Amino acid sequence: MLKDLPLASYLRPNNFKEFAGQEKIIGESTWLYQAIKNDTVPSLIFWGPPGSGKTTLAFIIAKETKAEFVELSATSSGVKDLKVIVDRAKSSKRLGVKTILFIDEIHRWNKSQQDALLPQVENGTITLIGATTENPSFAVNGALLSRVKVAILEALTSEDLELIIKRATSSLKVKLNTDVIGLISRLANGDARRALGILESAVESVSGENSKNSKITLQLVKEIVNKPNLLYDKKGEEHYNLISALHKSMRGGNADAAVYYLCRMIEAGEDPLYVARRLVRFASEDVGLANNSALLLAMASYDAVKKLGLPECGVHLAHTVIYLAKSPKNITAYMAYEKAKAEVEKSGNLPVPLYLRNAPTKLMKDIGYSKGYKYTPLEDDGDQEYMPDKIKGKKFL
């Protein structure tokens, strides 16, 4: 039987020796490692994906520096909770004890809540360690961000996860073959908490009273997981990272990478119509005049996605992505529009030359509307000017 705590909490590392991964920020030669050893840890923001060790690392820092560790979740706390912690931290400070306040999902605190942290961080009443899966540039107030250092955690590697799984199996006294450990690490997708959750479910499955399994197999793990939990947030930064990668892969003519990023988005739950809209844009922005058929295919693909939906429309998106990636590129239309837009913003509503205006009424004809216009299907327009007088001869192409 497992303990009452979730396995990830029960097996949480207590020191750096037990901590796996994140060598780039806590390796012995890093500034953070030296700050911890010298007890000069500043207030920090840990930015990284789920299960990368943000909470564990904050806990270890508090233990290594002999500070009181206080944890808050931004989803269920506010300024009142902060005030209680600050009052206690002031008392501890008078006794020579530091307080590390760890706020999980700090991006969920609003501006006024984050602002309440400023004086306490500045005067050293608390050392703040905030954790976020969102880009701090957008998720944390500028005033607070200027008072902390940002440490970027990466998704754990398969090797890191395999080490964590092996340590867990040793603690649980269960045996897994190498293939099963490898599968769990891959399906965990860089998330230690998820890896341990899969392992915990597998152990409970084989140890249950009605279990038909005597050992943890590849098939059992697949049944528990069903599908890899791809790291993706349709409103978060990874959404923009992936669509950017798709766009740039098509622009660079790499159809294989483009299809890969397309699948990453669709399989993780992205709205296929969003992708289809971006392909329509790409067809004119990047392929443009080099292949006018690209826009026709992109529009046809959008229509197919709208009518069929998933999973059928996946092949239509792949068809279009490959075609756009392999098409020659021409950004003339895109650049012309951007230059014309800049001119419009600069010069404003310039009057249209009178000879280019329609004259549906007698008054309009009398004041010169349409007078002198050369009808090009029947006569040579010669040096007829089409731009407003103020920007005669302006070129955007």
Protein backbone atom coordinates (compact mmCIF):
# COMPACT_ATOMS: atom_id res chain seq x y z
CA MET A 1 0.00 0.00 0.00
CA LEU A 2 1.16 3.53 -0.77
CA LYS A 3 1.21 6.30 1.79
CA ASP A 4 -1.71 8.71 2.24
CA LEU A 5 0.23 11.42 0.39
CA PRO A 6 0.48 11.34 -3.41
CA LEU A 7 3.66 9.57 -4.45
CA ALA A 8 5.14 12.81 -5.85
CA SER A 9 4.78 14.47 -2.43
CA TYR A 10 5.86 11.40 -0.45
CA LEU A 11 9.07 11.09 -2.46
CA ARG A 12 9.86 14.80 -2.71
CA PRO A 13 13.67 15.28 -2.59
CA ASN A 14 15.12 16.84 0.55
CA ASN A 15 18.47 17.96 -0.84
CA PHE A 16 20.37 18.62 -4.05
CA LYS A 17 21.80 15.12 -4.07
CA GLU A 18 18.29 13.71 -4.47
CA PHE A 19 17.16 16.40 -6.92
CA ALA A 20 17.22 15.39 -10.61
CA GLY A 21 17.74 17.76 -13.52
CA GLN A 22 18.04 21.55 -13.90
CA GLU A 23 21.84 21.51 -13.98
CA LYS A 24 21.80 24.77 -15.94
CA ILE A 25 20.48 26.72 -12.97
CA ILE A 26 21.65 24.73 -9.92
CA GLY A 27 24.84 23.09 -11.11
CA GLU A 28 27.80 23.77 -8.81
CA SER A 29 29.16 26.48 -11.11
CA THR A 30 25.90 28.46 -11.33
CA TRP A 31 25.18 31.73 -9.56
CA LEU A 32 22.10 30.28 -7.85
CA TYR A 33 24.00 27.35 -6.37
CA GLN A 34 26.66 29.73 -5.05
CA ALA A 35 23.98 32.07 -3.65
CA ILE A 36 22.39 29.16 -1.80
CA LYS A 37 25.72 28.00 -0.37
CA ASN A 38 26.57 31.59 0.67
CA ASP A 39 23.08 32.18 2.09
CA THR A 40 22.53 35.18 -0.19
CA VAL A 41 19.50 33.95 -2.13
CA PRO A 42 17.54 36.86 -3.64
CA SER A 43 13.83 36.86 -4.33
CA LEU A 44 13.18 34.64 -7.34
CA ILE A 45 10.65 33.70 -9.98
CA PHE A 46 10.87 30.10 -11.16
CA TRP A 47 9.48 29.89 -14.68
CA GLY A 48 9.05 26.42 -16.10
CA PRO A 49 6.60 23.74 -17.24
CA PRO A 50 4.57 21.57 -14.84
CA GLY A 51 6.55 18.96 -12.94
CA SER A 52 9.95 20.53 -13.60
CA GLY A 53 10.79 20.89 -9.90
CA LYS A 54 9.79 24.47 -9.02
CA THR A 55 8.18 23.67 -5.66
CA THR A 56 10.83 21.11 -4.73
CA LEU A 57 13.66 23.48 -5.52
CA ALA A 58 12.11 26.22 -3.38
CA PHE A 59 11.75 23.74 -0.49
CA ILE A 60 15.39 22.63 -0.81
CA ILE A 61 16.59 26.26 -0.88
CA ALA A 62 14.73 26.96 2.36
CA LYS A 63 16.21 23.86 3.96
CA GLU A 64 19.75 24.60 2.78
CA THR A 65 19.59 28.20 4.05
CA LYS A 66 17.81 27.22 7.28
CA ALA A 67 14.90 29.53 6.48
CA GLU A 68 11.29 29.05 7.46
CA PHE A 69 9.39 27.76 4.42
CA VAL A 70 5.85 29.05 3.94
CA GLU A 71 3.81 27.97 0.93
CA LEU A 72 0.79 29.70 -0.63
CA SER A 73 -1.24 28.80 -3.68
CA ALA A 74 -2.26 31.86 -5.68
CA THR A 75 -5.51 30.14 -6.63
CA SER A 76 -6.76 29.98 -3.04
CA SER A 77 -5.05 32.85 -1.23
CA GLY A 78 -4.92 36.62 -1.18
CA VAL A 79 -3.67 39.73 0.60
CA LYS A 80 -5.20 38.70 3.95
CA ASP A 81 -3.20 35.47 3.94
CA LEU A 82 -0.09 37.44 3.00
CA LYS A 83 -0.57 39.83 5.94
CA VAL A 84 -0.60 36.94 8.43
CA ILE A 85 2.60 35.52 6.93
CA VAL A 86 4.31 38.94 6.90
CA ASP A 87 3.50 39.54 10.60
CA ARG A 88 4.97 36.15 11.48
CA ALA A 89 7.99 36.79 9.23
CA LYS A 90 8.71 40.07 11.03
CA SER A 91 8.75 38.26 14.36
CA SER A 92 11.03 35.55 12.95
CA LYS A 93 13.35 38.16 11.49
CA ARG A 94 13.83 39.73 14.93
CA LEU A 95 14.97 36.30 16.12
CA GLY A 96 17.39 35.98 13.22
CA VAL A 97 15.30 33.53 11.17
CA LYS A 98 14.61 34.22 7.50
CA THR A 99 11.30 33.45 5.84
CA ILE A 100 10.99 32.10 2.31
CA LEU A 101 7.51 32.60 0.94
CA PHE A 102 6.76 30.28 -1.95
CA ILE A 103 3.75 31.30 -4.06
CA ASP A 104 2.69 28.67 -6.54
CA GLU A 105 1.03 29.92 -9.76
CA ILE A 106 1.91 33.50 -8.88
CA HIS A 107 0.61 34.60 -12.27
CA ARG A 108 -2.91 34.03 -10.90
CA TRP A 109 -2.51 36.86 -8.40
CA ASN A 110 -3.85 40.16 -9.74
CA LYS A 111 -1.93 43.44 -9.83
CA SER A 112 -3.00 44.68 -6.39
CA GLN A 113 -2.15 41.33 -4.81
CA GLN A 114 1.28 41.28 -6.45
CA ASP A 115 1.84 44.93 -5.45
CA ALA A 116 1.28 43.97 -1.81
CA LEU A 117 4.47 41.91 -2.02
CA LEU A 118 6.67 44.84 -3.08
CA PRO A 119 7.49 46.45 0.30
CA GLN A 120 8.07 43.07 1.95
CA VAL A 121 10.48 42.01 -0.78
CA GLU A 122 12.26 45.37 -0.76
CA ASN A 123 12.80 45.53 3.01
CA GLY A 124 13.82 41.89 3.26
CA THR A 125 10.96 40.79 5.50
CA ILE A 126 10.46 37.86 3.17
CA THR A 127 12.40 36.21 0.39
CA LEU A 128 9.86 35.57 -2.32
CA ILE A 129 10.03 32.54 -4.59
CA GLY A 130 7.20 32.61 -7.09
CA ALA A 131 6.46 29.75 -9.46
CA THR A 132 4.78 30.16 -12.82
CA THR A 133 4.23 28.23 -16.02
CA GLU A 134 3.53 31.51 -17.82
CA ASN A 135 6.06 33.94 -19.28
CA PRO A 136 6.88 36.33 -16.38
CA SER A 137 7.11 39.22 -18.84
CA PHE A 138 3.34 38.98 -19.21
CA ALA A 139 2.29 37.22 -16.00
CA VAL A 140 4.16 39.23 -13.34
CA ASN A 141 3.85 42.96 -12.71
CA GLY A 142 6.79 44.98 -13.99
CA ALA A 143 7.37 46.54 -10.56
CA LEU A 144 7.66 43.14 -8.91
CA LEU A 145 9.62 41.65 -11.79
CA SER A 146 12.26 44.37 -11.43
CA ARG A 147 12.86 43.31 -7.82
CA VAL A 148 13.42 39.60 -8.43
CA LYS A 149 15.67 37.37 -10.51
CA VAL A 150 14.07 34.98 -12.98
CA ALA A 151 15.35 31.40 -13.14
CA ILE A 152 14.15 29.36 -16.12
CA LEU A 153 13.51 25.67 -15.52
CA GLU A 154 13.27 23.27 -18.44
CA ALA A 155 11.13 20.17 -18.90
CA LEU A 156 13.01 17.22 -17.43
CA THR A 157 14.84 14.96 -19.85
CA SER A 158 14.00 11.28 -20.28
CA GLU A 159 17.21 10.47 -18.41
CA ASP A 160 16.14 12.66 -15.47
CA LEU A 161 12.73 11.00 -15.36
CA GLU A 162 14.17 7.51 -15.57
CA LEU A 163 16.37 8.29 -12.57
CA ILE A 164 13.35 9.57 -10.64
CA ILE A 165 11.31 6.48 -11.55
CA LYS A 166 14.11 4.12 -10.51
CA ARG A 167 14.43 5.85 -7.15
CA ALA A 168 10.67 5.58 -6.67
CA THR A 169 10.58 1.87 -7.51
CA SER A 170 13.39 1.29 -5.02
CA SER A 171 11.39 3.08 -2.32
CA LEU A 172 8.22 1.18 -3.21
CA LYS A 173 10.10 -2.12 -3.52
CA VAL A 174 8.69 -2.88 -6.96
CA LYS A 175 10.57 -3.99 -10.05
CA LEU A 176 10.17 -2.55 -13.54
CA ASN A 177 11.98 -3.63 -16.65
CA THR A 178 13.90 -1.07 -18.70
CA ASP A 179 11.23 -0.85 -21.42
CA VAL A 180 8.50 0.03 -18.93
CA ILE A 181 10.66 2.69 -17.26
CA GLY A 182 11.46 4.15 -20.67
CA LEU A 183 7.79 4.22 -21.69
CA ILE A 184 6.70 5.98 -18.48
CA SER A 185 9.44 8.58 -18.90
CA ARG A 186 8.37 9.27 -22.49
CA LEU A 187 4.69 9.49 -21.70
CA ALA A 188 5.38 11.82 -18.77
CA ASN A 189 6.59 14.42 -21.29
CA GLY A 190 9.16 16.06 -19.01
CA ASP A 191 6.84 16.16 -15.97
CA ALA A 192 8.14 14.35 -12.85
CA ARG A 193 4.78 14.61 -11.11
CA ARG A 194 3.09 12.92 -14.04
CA ALA A 195 5.73 10.20 -14.21
CA LEU A 196 5.22 9.37 -10.54
CA GLY A 197 1.44 9.53 -10.98
CA ILE A 198 1.60 6.95 -13.77
CA LEU A 199 3.84 4.74 -11.65
CA GLU A 200 1.56 5.10 -8.63
CA SER A 201 -1.52 4.11 -10.66
CA ALA A 202 0.34 1.13 -12.10
CA VAL A 203 1.46 -0.08 -8.67
CA GLU A 204 -2.07 0.27 -7.28
CA SER A 205 -3.43 -1.61 -10.31
CA VAL A 206 -1.23 -4.66 -9.81
CA SER A 207 -1.59 -4.67 -6.02
CA GLY A 208 -5.38 -4.37 -5.91
CA GLU A 209 -7.48 -7.23 -4.57
CA ASN A 210 -9.20 -7.80 -7.93
CA SER A 211 -6.12 -7.30 -10.05
CA LYS A 212 -5.55 -9.72 -12.91
CA ASN A 213 -2.01 -8.44 -13.40
CA SER A 214 0.98 -9.68 -11.44
CA LYS A 215 3.45 -7.16 -12.83
CA ILE A 216 3.56 -3.77 -14.48
CA THR A 217 3.65 -4.22 -18.26
CA LEU A 218 3.90 -1.92 -21.25
CA GLN A 219 0.24 -2.60 -22.02
CA LEU A 220 -0.84 -1.68 -18.49
CA VAL A 221 1.03 1.63 -18.65
CA LYS A 222 -0.57 2.42 -22.02
CA GLU A 223 -4.02 1.66 -20.63
CA ILE A 224 -3.41 4.00 -17.70
CA VAL A 225 -2.17 6.86 -19.86
CA ASN A 226 -4.20 6.36 -23.06
CA LYS A 227 -2.43 9.30 -24.68
CA PRO A 228 0.62 11.45 -23.90
CA ASN A 229 -0.27 14.66 -22.11
CA LEU A 230 1.32 17.06 -24.55
CA LEU A 231 2.53 20.29 -23.00
CA TYR A 232 0.14 22.85 -24.40
CA ASP A 233 -1.98 25.75 -23.30
CA LYS A 234 -4.21 27.23 -25.98
CA LYS A 235 -4.00 30.64 -24.30
CA GLY A 236 -0.45 30.41 -23.05
CA GLU A 237 3.00 30.99 -24.47
CA GLU A 238 3.39 27.46 -25.89
CA HIS A 239 0.42 28.17 -28.15
CA TYR A 240 2.35 31.05 -29.71
CA ASN A 241 5.64 29.14 -29.71
CA LEU A 242 4.14 26.31 -31.76
CA ILE A 243 2.23 28.42 -34.28
CA SER A 244 5.40 30.48 -34.74
CA ALA A 245 7.41 27.31 -35.33
CA LEU A 246 4.81 26.07 -37.84
CA HIS A 247 4.84 29.38 -39.69
CA LYS A 248 8.63 29.62 -39.83
CA SER A 249 9.00 25.97 -40.89
CA MET A 250 6.65 26.54 -43.83
CA ARG A 251 8.43 29.80 -44.68
CA GLY A 252 11.74 27.94 -44.66
CA GLY A 253 10.41 25.21 -46.94
CA ASN A 254 10.75 22.43 -44.33
CA ALA A 255 7.58 20.41 -44.84
CA ASP A 256 8.59 17.71 -42.34
CA ALA A 257 9.00 20.18 -39.48
CA ALA A 258 5.81 21.97 -40.51
CA VAL A 259 3.76 18.75 -40.33
CA TYR A 260 5.39 17.94 -36.97
CA TYR A 261 4.36 21.26 -35.43
CA LEU A 262 0.91 20.95 -36.97
CA CYS A 263 0.46 17.56 -35.27
CA ARG A 264 1.79 18.93 -31.97
CA MET A 265 -0.95 21.54 -31.98
CA ILE A 266 -3.85 19.41 -33.22
CA GLU A 267 -3.09 16.38 -31.05
CA ALA A 268 -2.81 18.63 -27.99
CA GLY A 269 -6.28 20.04 -28.55
CA GLU A 270 -5.83 23.17 -30.66
CA ASP A 271 -8.88 24.42 -32.56
CA PRO A 272 -8.24 23.26 -36.16
CA LEU A 273 -10.04 26.34 -37.48
CA TYR A 274 -7.43 28.53 -35.80
CA VAL A 275 -4.69 26.69 -37.69
CA ALA A 276 -6.71 26.85 -40.93
CA ARG A 277 -7.08 30.64 -40.57
CA ARG A 278 -3.33 31.00 -40.13
CA LEU A 279 -2.73 28.95 -43.27
CA VAL A 280 -5.01 31.26 -45.25
CA ARG A 281 -2.99 34.22 -44.01
CA PHE A 282 0.29 32.46 -44.84
CA ALA A 283 -0.89 31.73 -48.38
CA SER A 284 -0.94 35.45 -49.18
CA GLU A 285 1.65 36.78 -46.76
CA ASP A 286 4.49 34.37 -47.56
CA VAL A 287 3.62 32.50 -50.76
CA GLY A 288 1.73 35.37 -52.33
CA LEU A 289 2.32 36.16 -55.99
CA ALA A 290 4.78 33.29 -56.39
CA ASN A 291 1.86 30.84 -56.46
CA ASN A 292 -1.64 32.28 -56.57
CA SER A 293 -3.17 28.81 -56.26
CA ALA A 294 -1.94 28.63 -52.65
CA LEU A 295 -4.73 30.91 -51.46
CA LEU A 296 -7.33 28.80 -53.27
CA LEU A 297 -6.09 25.63 -51.57
CA ALA A 298 -5.89 27.32 -48.17
CA MET A 299 -9.49 28.56 -48.48
CA ALA A 300 -10.64 25.11 -49.62
CA SER A 301 -8.84 23.62 -46.62
CA TYR A 302 -10.53 26.08 -44.26
CA ASP A 303 -13.91 25.11 -45.72
CA ALA A 304 -13.11 21.40 -45.32
CA VAL A 305 -12.05 21.88 -41.70
CA LYS A 306 -15.24 23.82 -40.96
CA LYS A 307 -17.49 21.20 -42.55
CA LEU A 308 -15.75 18.00 -41.43
CA GLY A 309 -14.03 18.79 -38.13
CA LEU A 310 -11.66 16.41 -36.40
CA PRO A 311 -10.35 13.80 -36.89
CA GLU A 312 -11.12 13.83 -40.63
CA CYS A 313 -9.84 17.34 -41.28
CA GLY A 314 -6.31 16.53 -40.06
CA VAL A 315 -5.33 15.27 -43.51
CA HIS A 316 -6.63 18.47 -45.16
CA LEU A 317 -4.48 20.58 -42.86
CA ALA A 318 -1.45 18.37 -43.55
CA HIS A 319 -2.12 18.60 -47.30
CA THR A 320 -2.17 22.39 -47.13
CA VAL A 321 0.80 22.71 -44.80
CA ILE A 322 2.98 20.55 -47.08
CA TYR A 323 1.86 22.45 -50.19
CA LEU A 324 2.57 25.84 -48.59
CA ALA A 325 5.96 24.70 -47.30
CA LYS A 326 7.00 23.44 -50.74
CA SER A 327 5.67 26.46 -52.65
CA PRO A 328 8.01 29.26 -53.76
CA LYS A 329 7.68 32.40 -51.64
CA ASN A 330 7.01 36.03 -52.53
CA ILE A 331 6.21 38.70 -49.95
CA THR A 332 5.50 41.53 -52.42
CA ALA A 333 1.80 41.79 -51.50
CA TYR A 334 2.56 41.72 -47.76
CA MET A 335 5.27 44.37 -48.00
CA ALA A 336 3.21 46.57 -50.33
CA TYR A 337 0.29 46.57 -47.90
CA GLU A 338 2.54 47.37 -44.93
CA LYS A 339 4.19 50.28 -46.79
CA ALA A 340 0.83 51.64 -47.96
CA LYS A 341 -0.53 51.37 -44.42
CA ALA A 342 2.43 53.32 -43.08
CA GLU A 343 1.79 56.05 -45.68
CA VAL A 344 -1.90 56.23 -44.78
CA GLU A 345 -1.02 56.58 -41.10
CA LYS A 346 1.48 59.30 -41.96
CA SER A 347 -0.44 61.39 -44.51
CA GLY A 348 -4.03 60.78 -43.40
CA ASN A 349 -7.11 61.27 -45.59
CA LEU A 350 -5.62 62.81 -48.71
CA PRO A 351 -8.25 63.97 -51.24
CA VAL A 352 -8.81 61.69 -54.24
CA PRO A 353 -8.03 63.52 -57.53
CA LEU A 354 -11.25 64.90 -59.04
CA TYR A 355 -10.83 63.01 -62.34
CA LEU A 356 -10.80 59.68 -60.44
CA ARG A 357 -14.10 60.37 -58.72
CA ASN A 358 -17.44 59.17 -60.06
CA ALA A 359 -19.96 61.84 -61.06
CA PRO A 360 -23.45 60.36 -60.66
CA THR A 361 -25.12 63.80 -60.24
CA LYS A 362 -25.11 67.03 -62.32
CA LEU A 363 -23.62 68.98 -59.43
CA MET A 364 -20.68 66.61 -59.26
CA LYS A 365 -20.08 66.97 -62.98
CA ASP A 366 -20.29 70.75 -62.73
CA ILE A 367 -17.58 70.94 -60.07
CA GLY A 368 -15.22 68.72 -62.05
CA TYR A 369 -15.78 65.19 -60.78
CA SER A 370 -14.57 62.66 -63.39
CA LYS A 371 -13.50 65.45 -65.81
CA GLY A 372 -10.42 64.52 -67.80
CA TYR A 373 -10.36 60.86 -66.78
CA LYS A 374 -8.89 58.64 -69.47
CA TYR A 375 -10.82 55.39 -69.93
CA THR A 376 -7.99 52.89 -70.40
CA PRO A 377 -9.88 50.15 -72.31
CA LEU A 378 -10.44 52.65 -75.13
CA GLU A 379 -7.61 55.17 -74.82
CA ASP A 380 -4.02 55.40 -73.68
CA ASP A 381 -3.89 56.85 -70.20
CA GLY A 382 -0.41 58.24 -70.88
CA ASP A 383 0.92 59.92 -67.76
CA GLN A 384 -2.39 59.85 -65.90
CA GLU A 385 -1.65 60.02 -62.16
CA TYR A 386 -3.61 57.80 -59.79
CA MET A 387 -2.15 58.82 -56.44
CA PRO A 388 -3.37 61.86 -54.47
CA ASP A 389 -1.46 65.04 -55.39
CA LYS A 390 0.56 65.10 -52.17
CA ILE A 391 2.13 61.67 -52.83
CA LYS A 392 2.38 61.68 -56.61
CA GLY A 393 4.65 58.96 -57.94
CA LYS A 394 4.78 57.08 -54.60
CA LYS A 395 5.72 53.40 -55.01
CA PHE A 396 4.86 50.59 -52.59
CA LEU A 397 5.93 47.61 -54.72
